[in-house]
Amino acid sequence: MSSDVVIVTGAAAGIGRATALRFAEDGAKVAAWDVTPAAAGPLERDIASAGGEAFFSAVNVADSAAVTSAVDAVIARWGRIDVLINNAGIVRDAQLVKWKDGQAVSVMTDELFDAVVDVNLKGVFYCTRAVVPHMIRQQSGVILTASSVVGLYGNFGQTNYAATKAAVINMTRTWARELGRYGIRVNAVAPGFIATEMVKAMPQKVLDGMVGHTPLGRMGEPRDIAETYAWLASPRAAFVHGTVISVDGGLVLGT
């Protein structure tokens, strides 16, 4: 059993929810952050039922002051932070320039680009910056961040998303260099096509295409990513540092 204090951002659904419940199974104290306050009751009950202790906070990770306040609340409640899972993320897809009949019919707007950067990149920066001083004082900690196979290979219509997911890989590598001396391990996970509720709502033709690009012949489940986070946070991964682990079923793009 574990008594680790774990922050999971974007914990209300999908991979974040599966991750919060997975750590709860090990007896962790789970600070579940999300922008959806209505998720608090059900999520806290499920974390408790899984064997953990829950503390939900409505947090917009793109708000630096809100993140700092939420970190302070975790410290006030439990006195330490052992693991940070930077899971929160959004998509706002559009082609850079959509061209038809000799002219641009649409573009990726400033608003679409900035919205994704604010959550997926600045949010990771804000959360990690707020947590790290506490981990340095402890001389221990684990920081895990959600990248994506899109951050490794790019993807049509996802200039903003792909840019942020590539950026967090290199923030991970930079922080590994800076923080290893304090006993803080930093890694990233790059999921492939994962069958979250949002993804499963896509047209069947799109889902079939995702499976067709995955050599294992299926989409991943949120639990597949949660298990990877749990392993990376554990002593079993004590010498894994500064890397990105793809959890993608052997995904081969463009085939």
C-alpha atoms as a PDB file:
ATOM      1  CA  MET A   1       0.000   0.000   0.000  1.00  0.00           C
ATOM      2  CA  SER A   2       1.080   3.547  -0.697  1.00  0.00           C
ATOM      3  CA  SER A   3       0.443   6.713   1.247  1.00  0.00           C
ATOM      4  CA  ASP A   4       1.780   8.964  -1.514  1.00  0.00           C
ATOM      5  CA  VAL A   5       0.152  12.326  -2.113  1.00  0.00           C
ATOM      6  CA  VAL A   6      -0.673  12.523  -5.818  1.00  0.00           C
ATOM      7  CA  ILE A   7      -2.027  15.473  -7.814  1.00  0.00           C
ATOM      8  CA  VAL A   8      -3.877  14.514 -11.000  1.00  0.00           C
ATOM      9  CA  THR A   9      -4.942  17.362 -13.283  1.00  0.00           C
ATOM     10  CA  GLY A  10      -7.893  16.872 -15.607  1.00  0.00           C
ATOM     11  CA  ALA A  11      -9.096  14.136 -13.272  1.00  0.00           C
ATOM     12  CA  ALA A  12     -12.823  14.186 -14.000  1.00  0.00           C
ATOM     13  CA  ALA A  13     -12.872  11.943 -17.070  1.00  0.00           C
ATOM     14  CA  GLY A  14     -10.914   9.751 -19.433  1.00  0.00           C
ATOM     15  CA  ILE A  15      -7.255   9.115 -18.709  1.00  0.00           C
ATOM     16  CA  GLY A  16      -7.245  11.497 -15.743  1.00  0.00           C
ATOM     17  CA  ARG A  17     -10.083   9.677 -14.005  1.00  0.00           C
ATOM     18  CA  ALA A  18      -8.543   6.273 -14.668  1.00  0.00           C
ATOM     19  CA  THR A  19      -5.247   7.561 -13.282  1.00  0.00           C
ATOM     20  CA  ALA A  20      -6.815   8.957 -10.114  1.00  0.00           C
ATOM     21  CA  LEU A  21      -8.567   5.630  -9.479  1.00  0.00           C
ATOM     22  CA  ARG A  22      -5.413   3.618 -10.231  1.00  0.00           C
ATOM     23  CA  PHE A  23      -3.399   5.517  -7.623  1.00  0.00           C
ATOM     24  CA  ALA A  24      -6.307   5.170  -5.199  1.00  0.00           C
ATOM     25  CA  GLU A  25      -6.045   1.394  -5.556  1.00  0.00           C
ATOM     26  CA  ASP A  26      -2.563   1.693  -4.052  1.00  0.00           C
ATOM     27  CA  GLY A  27      -3.940   3.686  -1.124  1.00  0.00           C
ATOM     28  CA  ALA A  28      -2.758   7.087  -2.327  1.00  0.00           C
ATOM     29  CA  LYS A  29      -4.057  10.435  -1.206  1.00  0.00           C
ATOM     30  CA  VAL A  30      -5.364  11.863  -4.468  1.00  0.00           C
ATOM     31  CA  ALA A  31      -5.753  15.587  -5.086  1.00  0.00           C
ATOM     32  CA  ALA A  32      -8.077  15.507  -8.104  1.00  0.00           C
ATOM     33  CA  TRP A  33      -8.140  18.747 -10.096  1.00  0.00           C
ATOM     34  CA  ASP A  34     -10.567  19.599 -12.873  1.00  0.00           C
ATOM     35  CA  VAL A  35     -12.505  22.531 -14.274  1.00  0.00           C
ATOM     36  CA  THR A  36     -15.789  20.642 -13.791  1.00  0.00           C
ATOM     37  CA  PRO A  37     -17.021  21.194 -10.209  1.00  0.00           C
ATOM     38  CA  ALA A  38     -19.984  18.859 -10.754  1.00  0.00           C
ATOM     39  CA  ALA A  39     -17.525  15.964 -10.946  1.00  0.00           C
ATOM     40  CA  ALA A  40     -16.410  16.431  -7.341  1.00  0.00           C
ATOM     41  CA  GLY A  41     -18.905  14.229  -5.507  1.00  0.00           C
ATOM     42  CA  PRO A  42     -18.888  11.196  -7.811  1.00  0.00           C
ATOM     43  CA  LEU A  43     -15.123  11.308  -8.270  1.00  0.00           C
ATOM     44  CA  GLU A  44     -14.368  11.601  -4.565  1.00  0.00           C
ATOM     45  CA  ARG A  45     -16.710   8.688  -3.833  1.00  0.00           C
ATOM     46  CA  ASP A  46     -15.085   6.518  -6.497  1.00  0.00           C
ATOM     47  CA  ILE A  47     -11.582   7.335  -5.256  1.00  0.00           C
ATOM     48  CA  ALA A  48     -12.613   6.406  -1.715  1.00  0.00           C
ATOM     49  CA  SER A  49     -14.254   3.189  -2.938  1.00  0.00           C
ATOM     50  CA  ALA A  50     -11.040   2.267  -4.782  1.00  0.00           C
ATOM     51  CA  GLY A  51      -9.076   2.562  -1.545  1.00  0.00           C
ATOM     52  CA  GLY A  52      -7.705   6.106  -1.645  1.00  0.00           C
ATOM     53  CA  GLU A  53      -8.359   9.391   0.074  1.00  0.00           C
ATOM     54  CA  ALA A  54      -9.787  12.106  -2.160  1.00  0.00           C
ATOM     55  CA  PHE A  55      -9.557  15.884  -2.237  1.00  0.00           C
ATOM     56  CA  PHE A  56     -11.242  17.506  -5.247  1.00  0.00           C
ATOM     57  CA  SER A  57     -10.462  21.069  -6.299  1.00  0.00           C
ATOM     58  CA  ALA A  58     -11.940  23.035  -9.187  1.00  0.00           C
ATOM     59  CA  VAL A  59      -8.762  24.258 -10.864  1.00  0.00           C
ATOM     60  CA  ASN A  60      -8.120  25.846 -14.247  1.00  0.00           C
ATOM     61  CA  VAL A  61      -4.478  24.948 -14.855  1.00  0.00           C
ATOM     62  CA  ALA A  62      -4.179  27.897 -17.238  1.00  0.00           C
ATOM     63  CA  ASP A  63      -4.643  30.232 -14.254  1.00  0.00           C
ATOM     64  CA  SER A  64      -1.301  30.567 -12.490  1.00  0.00           C
ATOM     65  CA  ALA A  65      -2.763  32.035  -9.293  1.00  0.00           C
ATOM     66  CA  ALA A  66      -5.404  29.296  -9.074  1.00  0.00           C
ATOM     67  CA  VAL A  67      -2.732  26.620  -9.460  1.00  0.00           C
ATOM     68  CA  THR A  68      -0.586  28.132  -6.714  1.00  0.00           C
ATOM     69  CA  SER A  69      -3.588  28.335  -4.389  1.00  0.00           C
ATOM     70  CA  ALA A  70      -4.542  24.718  -5.106  1.00  0.00           C
ATOM     71  CA  VAL A  71      -0.997  23.518  -4.385  1.00  0.00           C
ATOM     72  CA  ASP A  72      -1.034  25.426  -1.110  1.00  0.00           C
ATOM     73  CA  ALA A  73      -4.306  23.693  -0.209  1.00  0.00           C
ATOM     74  CA  VAL A  74      -2.795  20.258  -0.831  1.00  0.00           C
ATOM     75  CA  ILE A  75       0.190  21.109   1.371  1.00  0.00           C
ATOM     76  CA  ALA A  76      -2.117  22.448   4.085  1.00  0.00           C
ATOM     77  CA  ARG A  77      -4.133  19.233   4.023  1.00  0.00           C
ATOM     78  CA  TRP A  78      -1.450  16.565   3.646  1.00  0.00           C
ATOM     79  CA  GLY A  79       1.891  18.311   4.199  1.00  0.00           C
ATOM     80  CA  ARG A  80       3.648  17.056   1.083  1.00  0.00           C
ATOM     81  CA  ILE A  81       3.338  16.261  -2.633  1.00  0.00           C
ATOM     82  CA  ASP A  82       4.939  13.081  -3.927  1.00  0.00           C
ATOM     83  CA  VAL A  83       3.629  12.833  -7.476  1.00  0.00           C
ATOM     84  CA  LEU A  84       2.318  15.354 -10.008  1.00  0.00           C
ATOM     85  CA  ILE A  85       0.460  14.003 -13.038  1.00  0.00           C
ATOM     86  CA  ASN A  86       0.157  16.780 -15.631  1.00  0.00           C
ATOM     87  CA  ASN A  87      -2.782  15.234 -17.490  1.00  0.00           C
ATOM     88  CA  ALA A  88      -5.135  18.158 -18.230  1.00  0.00           C
ATOM     89  CA  GLY A  89      -5.380  18.999 -21.907  1.00  0.00           C
ATOM     90  CA  ILE A  90      -7.721  20.245 -24.622  1.00  0.00           C
ATOM     91  CA  VAL A  91      -7.968  20.084 -28.392  1.00  0.00           C
ATOM     92  CA  ARG A  92      -9.085  22.854 -30.734  1.00  0.00           C
ATOM     93  CA  ASP A  93      -8.395  21.438 -34.180  1.00  0.00           C
ATOM     94  CA  ALA A  94      -8.170  23.340 -37.456  1.00  0.00           C
ATOM     95  CA  GLN A  95      -5.928  23.399 -40.505  1.00  0.00           C
ATOM     96  CA  LEU A  96      -3.278  26.111 -40.484  1.00  0.00           C
ATOM     97  CA  VAL A  97      -4.836  27.370 -43.736  1.00  0.00           C
ATOM     98  CA  LYS A  98      -7.714  25.551 -45.405  1.00  0.00           C
ATOM     99  CA  TRP A  99      -7.519  26.222 -49.119  1.00  0.00           C
ATOM    100  CA  LYS A 100     -10.332  25.683 -51.593  1.00  0.00           C
ATOM    101  CA  ASP A 101     -11.029  26.967 -55.086  1.00  0.00           C
ATOM    102  CA  GLY A 102      -7.926  29.126 -55.103  1.00  0.00           C
ATOM    103  CA  GLN A 103      -8.463  30.860 -51.789  1.00  0.00           C
ATOM    104  CA  ALA A 104      -8.240  30.457 -48.040  1.00  0.00           C
ATOM    105  CA  VAL A 105     -11.636  29.522 -46.631  1.00  0.00           C
ATOM    106  CA  SER A 106     -10.475  29.258 -42.999  1.00  0.00           C
ATOM    107  CA  VAL A 107      -7.374  29.382 -40.798  1.00  0.00           C
ATOM    108  CA  MET A 108      -6.317  28.306 -37.348  1.00  0.00           C
ATOM    109  CA  THR A 109      -7.178  31.453 -35.419  1.00  0.00           C
ATOM    110  CA  ASP A 110      -5.197  33.138 -32.676  1.00  0.00           C
ATOM    111  CA  GLU A 111      -7.930  32.113 -30.244  1.00  0.00           C
ATOM    112  CA  LEU A 112      -7.703  28.422 -31.148  1.00  0.00           C
ATOM    113  CA  PHE A 113      -3.925  28.434 -30.943  1.00  0.00           C
ATOM    114  CA  ASP A 114      -3.752  30.344 -27.670  1.00  0.00           C
ATOM    115  CA  ALA A 115      -6.440  28.268 -25.933  1.00  0.00           C
ATOM    116  CA  VAL A 116      -4.479  25.050 -26.447  1.00  0.00           C
ATOM    117  CA  VAL A 117      -1.149  26.633 -25.524  1.00  0.00           C
ATOM    118  CA  ASP A 118      -2.664  28.066 -22.337  1.00  0.00           C
ATOM    119  CA  VAL A 119      -3.879  24.694 -21.042  1.00  0.00           C
ATOM    120  CA  ASN A 120      -1.534  22.124 -22.568  1.00  0.00           C
ATOM    121  CA  LEU A 121       1.738  24.037 -22.261  1.00  0.00           C
ATOM    122  CA  LYS A 122       1.406  26.903 -19.806  1.00  0.00           C
ATOM    123  CA  GLY A 123      -0.733  24.704 -17.549  1.00  0.00           C
ATOM    124  CA  VAL A 124       2.045  22.114 -17.320  1.00  0.00           C
ATOM    125  CA  PHE A 125       4.544  24.887 -16.602  1.00  0.00           C
ATOM    126  CA  TYR A 126       2.382  26.498 -13.903  1.00  0.00           C
ATOM    127  CA  CYS A 127       1.617  23.234 -12.110  1.00  0.00           C
ATOM    128  CA  THR A 128       5.192  21.993 -12.163  1.00  0.00           C
ATOM    129  CA  ARG A 129       6.648  25.325 -11.078  1.00  0.00           C
ATOM    130  CA  ALA A 130       4.239  25.464  -8.131  1.00  0.00           C
ATOM    131  CA  VAL A 131       4.929  21.899  -6.982  1.00  0.00           C
ATOM    132  CA  VAL A 132       8.706  21.711  -7.397  1.00  0.00           C
ATOM    133  CA  PRO A 133       9.739  23.820  -4.348  1.00  0.00           C
ATOM    134  CA  HIS A 134       7.871  21.398  -2.090  1.00  0.00           C
ATOM    135  CA  MET A 135       9.555  18.415  -3.733  1.00  0.00           C
ATOM    136  CA  ILE A 136      12.970  20.045  -3.401  1.00  0.00           C
ATOM    137  CA  ARG A 137      12.385  20.504   0.332  1.00  0.00           C
ATOM    138  CA  GLN A 138      11.443  16.808   0.547  1.00  0.00           C
ATOM    139  CA  GLN A 139      14.399  15.802  -1.642  1.00  0.00           C
ATOM    140  CA  SER A 140      12.020  13.527  -3.519  1.00  0.00           C
ATOM    141  CA  GLY A 141       9.184  13.555  -5.997  1.00  0.00           C
ATOM    142  CA  VAL A 142       7.932  12.399  -9.394  1.00  0.00           C
ATOM    143  CA  ILE A 143       6.625  14.630 -12.189  1.00  0.00           C
ATOM    144  CA  LEU A 144       4.829  12.922 -15.062  1.00  0.00           C
ATOM    145  CA  THR A 145       3.393  14.783 -18.039  1.00  0.00           C
ATOM    146  CA  ALA A 146       1.016  13.742 -20.809  1.00  0.00           C
ATOM    147  CA  SER A 147       2.557  14.219 -24.202  1.00  0.00           C
ATOM    148  CA  SER A 148       1.173  12.356 -27.236  1.00  0.00           C
ATOM    149  CA  VAL A 149       2.306  10.462 -30.299  1.00  0.00           C
ATOM    150  CA  VAL A 150       1.167  13.622 -32.060  1.00  0.00           C
ATOM    151  CA  GLY A 151       3.978  15.424 -30.247  1.00  0.00           C
ATOM    152  CA  LEU A 152       6.444  12.985 -31.800  1.00  0.00           C
ATOM    153  CA  TYR A 153       5.071  12.761 -35.341  1.00  0.00           C
ATOM    154  CA  GLY A 154       2.722  15.709 -35.904  1.00  0.00           C
ATOM    155  CA  ASN A 155      -0.853  15.357 -37.104  1.00  0.00           C
ATOM    156  CA  PHE A 156      -3.050  16.920 -39.747  1.00  0.00           C
ATOM    157  CA  GLY A 157      -5.159  19.779 -38.370  1.00  0.00           C
ATOM    158  CA  GLN A 158      -3.355  19.920 -35.031  1.00  0.00           C
ATOM    159  CA  THR A 159      -0.692  22.611 -35.294  1.00  0.00           C
ATOM    160  CA  ASN A 160      -1.518  23.886 -31.809  1.00  0.00           C
ATOM    161  CA  TYR A 161      -1.916  20.501 -30.097  1.00  0.00           C
ATOM    162  CA  ALA A 162       1.150  18.938 -31.710  1.00  0.00           C
ATOM    163  CA  ALA A 163       3.274  21.958 -30.803  1.00  0.00           C
ATOM    164  CA  THR A 164       2.310  21.777 -27.132  1.00  0.00           C
ATOM    165  CA  LYS A 165       2.818  18.026 -26.917  1.00  0.00           C
ATOM    166  CA  ALA A 166       6.277  18.336 -28.470  1.00  0.00           C
ATOM    167  CA  ALA A 167       7.111  21.205 -26.137  1.00  0.00           C
ATOM    168  CA  VAL A 168       6.284  19.298 -22.951  1.00  0.00           C
ATOM    169  CA  ILE A 169       8.711  16.559 -23.994  1.00  0.00           C
ATOM    170  CA  ASN A 170      11.539  19.038 -24.041  1.00  0.00           C
ATOM    171  CA  MET A 171      10.398  20.690 -20.817  1.00  0.00           C
ATOM    172  CA  THR A 172      10.534  17.183 -19.327  1.00  0.00           C
ATOM    173  CA  ARG A 173      14.104  16.702 -20.542  1.00  0.00           C
ATOM    174  CA  THR A 174      15.135  20.115 -19.261  1.00  0.00           C
ATOM    175  CA  TRP A 175      13.586  19.556 -15.844  1.00  0.00           C
ATOM    176  CA  ALA A 176      15.235  16.148 -15.643  1.00  0.00           C
ATOM    177  CA  ARG A 177      18.598  17.895 -15.946  1.00  0.00           C
ATOM    178  CA  GLU A 178      17.688  20.543 -13.386  1.00  0.00           C
ATOM    179  CA  LEU A 179      15.834  18.482 -10.778  1.00  0.00           C
ATOM    180  CA  GLY A 180      17.503  15.086 -10.666  1.00  0.00           C
ATOM    181  CA  ARG A 181      20.011  16.365  -8.104  1.00  0.00           C
ATOM    182  CA  TYR A 182      17.112  16.841  -5.679  1.00  0.00           C
ATOM    183  CA  GLY A 183      15.832  13.292  -6.024  1.00  0.00           C
ATOM    184  CA  ILE A 184      13.006  14.385  -8.339  1.00  0.00           C
ATOM    185  CA  ARG A 185      12.329  12.150 -11.332  1.00  0.00           C
ATOM    186  CA  VAL A 186      10.690  13.676 -14.414  1.00  0.00           C
ATOM    187  CA  ASN A 187       9.222  11.729 -17.350  1.00  0.00           C
ATOM    188  CA  ALA A 188       6.589  12.037 -20.061  1.00  0.00           C
ATOM    189  CA  VAL A 189       4.108   9.564 -21.502  1.00  0.00           C
ATOM    190  CA  ALA A 190       2.991   9.668 -25.140  1.00  0.00           C
ATOM    191  CA  PRO A 191      -0.378   7.924 -25.553  1.00  0.00           C
ATOM    192  CA  GLY A 192      -1.552   6.708 -28.918  1.00  0.00           C
ATOM    193  CA  PHE A 193      -5.223   6.356 -29.795  1.00  0.00           C
ATOM    194  CA  ILE A 194      -7.040   5.916 -26.470  1.00  0.00           C
ATOM    195  CA  ALA A 195     -10.719   4.987 -26.189  1.00  0.00           C
ATOM    196  CA  THR A 196     -11.890   7.795 -23.945  1.00  0.00           C
ATOM    197  CA  GLU A 197     -15.550   8.792 -23.990  1.00  0.00           C
ATOM    198  CA  MET A 198     -14.669  11.782 -26.192  1.00  0.00           C
ATOM    199  CA  VAL A 199     -12.854   9.603 -28.726  1.00  0.00           C
ATOM    200  CA  LYS A 200     -15.502   6.882 -28.764  1.00  0.00           C
ATOM    201  CA  ALA A 201     -18.061   9.505 -29.792  1.00  0.00           C
ATOM    202  CA  MET A 202     -16.239   9.974 -33.110  1.00  0.00           C
ATOM    203  CA  PRO A 203     -17.650   8.461 -36.330  1.00  0.00           C
ATOM    204  CA  GLN A 204     -17.037   4.723 -36.697  1.00  0.00           C
ATOM    205  CA  LYS A 205     -15.030   5.307 -39.870  1.00  0.00           C
ATOM    206  CA  VAL A 206     -12.572   7.450 -37.927  1.00  0.00           C
ATOM    207  CA  LEU A 207     -12.317   4.885 -35.127  1.00  0.00           C
ATOM    208  CA  ASP A 208     -11.683   2.116 -37.641  1.00  0.00           C
ATOM    209  CA  GLY A 209      -8.892   4.209 -39.126  1.00  0.00           C
ATOM    210  CA  MET A 210      -7.276   4.607 -35.716  1.00  0.00           C
ATOM    211  CA  VAL A 211      -7.346   0.855 -35.123  1.00  0.00           C
ATOM    212  CA  GLY A 212      -6.014   0.272 -38.616  1.00  0.00           C
ATOM    213  CA  HIS A 213      -2.912   2.321 -37.815  1.00  0.00           C
ATOM    214  CA  THR A 214      -2.249   0.376 -34.603  1.00  0.00           C
ATOM    215  CA  PRO A 215      -0.376  -2.931 -35.057  1.00  0.00           C
ATOM    216  CA  LEU A 216      -1.919  -4.448 -31.916  1.00  0.00           C
ATOM    217  CA  GLY A 217      -5.280  -4.081 -33.641  1.00  0.00           C
ATOM    218  CA  ARG A 218      -7.118  -2.136 -30.963  1.00  0.00           C
ATOM    219  CA  MET A 219      -7.298   1.255 -29.357  1.00  0.00           C
ATOM    220  CA  GLY A 220      -5.780   1.735 -25.939  1.00  0.00           C
ATOM    221  CA  GLU A 221      -7.874   2.031 -22.819  1.00  0.00           C
ATOM    222  CA  PRO A 222      -7.462   4.830 -20.253  1.00  0.00           C
ATOM    223  CA  ARG A 223      -6.294   2.128 -17.838  1.00  0.00           C
ATOM    224  CA  ASP A 224      -3.317   1.398 -20.116  1.00  0.00           C
ATOM    225  CA  ILE A 225      -2.031   4.918 -19.555  1.00  0.00           C
ATOM    226  CA  ALA A 226      -2.919   4.909 -15.855  1.00  0.00           C
ATOM    227  CA  GLU A 227      -0.876   1.737 -15.340  1.00  0.00           C
ATOM    228  CA  THR A 228       2.109   3.396 -17.021  1.00  0.00           C
ATOM    229  CA  TYR A 229       1.848   6.410 -14.731  1.00  0.00           C
ATOM    230  CA  ALA A 230       1.588   4.125 -11.697  1.00  0.00           C
ATOM    231  CA  TRP A 231       4.725   2.247 -12.726  1.00  0.00           C
ATOM    232  CA  LEU A 232       6.691   5.414 -13.475  1.00  0.00           C
ATOM    233  CA  ALA A 233       5.751   6.855 -10.081  1.00  0.00           C
ATOM    234  CA  SER A 234       6.797   3.717  -8.232  1.00  0.00           C
ATOM    235  CA  PRO A 235      10.211   2.589  -6.946  1.00  0.00           C
ATOM    236  CA  ARG A 236      10.176   0.004  -9.743  1.00  0.00           C
ATOM    237  CA  ALA A 237      11.037   2.857 -12.127  1.00  0.00           C
ATOM    238  CA  ALA A 238      13.657   4.410  -9.829  1.00  0.00           C
ATOM    239  CA  PHE A 239      16.245   4.818 -12.617  1.00  0.00           C
ATOM    240  CA  VAL A 240      13.860   6.009 -15.346  1.00  0.00           C
ATOM    241  CA  HIS A 241      14.400   9.737 -15.757  1.00  0.00           C
ATOM    242  CA  GLY A 242      14.165  12.338 -18.494  1.00  0.00           C
ATOM    243  CA  THR A 243      12.491  10.122 -21.056  1.00  0.00           C
ATOM    244  CA  VAL A 244       9.238   9.834 -22.978  1.00  0.00           C
ATOM    245  CA  ILE A 245       7.463   6.476 -23.059  1.00  0.00           C
ATOM    246  CA  SER A 246       5.092   5.785 -25.929  1.00  0.00           C
ATOM    247  CA  VAL A 247       2.009   3.780 -24.964  1.00  0.00           C
ATOM    248  CA  ASP A 248       0.498   3.383 -28.384  1.00  0.00           C
ATOM    249  CA  GLY A 249       0.130  -0.270 -29.375  1.00  0.00           C
ATOM    250  CA  GLY A 250       3.021   0.108 -31.824  1.00  0.00           C
ATOM    251  CA  LEU A 251       1.308   2.933 -33.688  1.00  0.00           C
ATOM    252  CA  VAL A 252       2.582   3.494 -37.206  1.00  0.00           C
ATOM    253  CA  LEU A 253       1.377   6.785 -38.641  1.00  0.00           C
ATOM    254  CA  GLY A 254       0.708   7.199 -42.332  1.00  0.00           C
ATOM    255  CA  THR A 255       0.293   3.504 -43.166  1.00  0.00           C
END
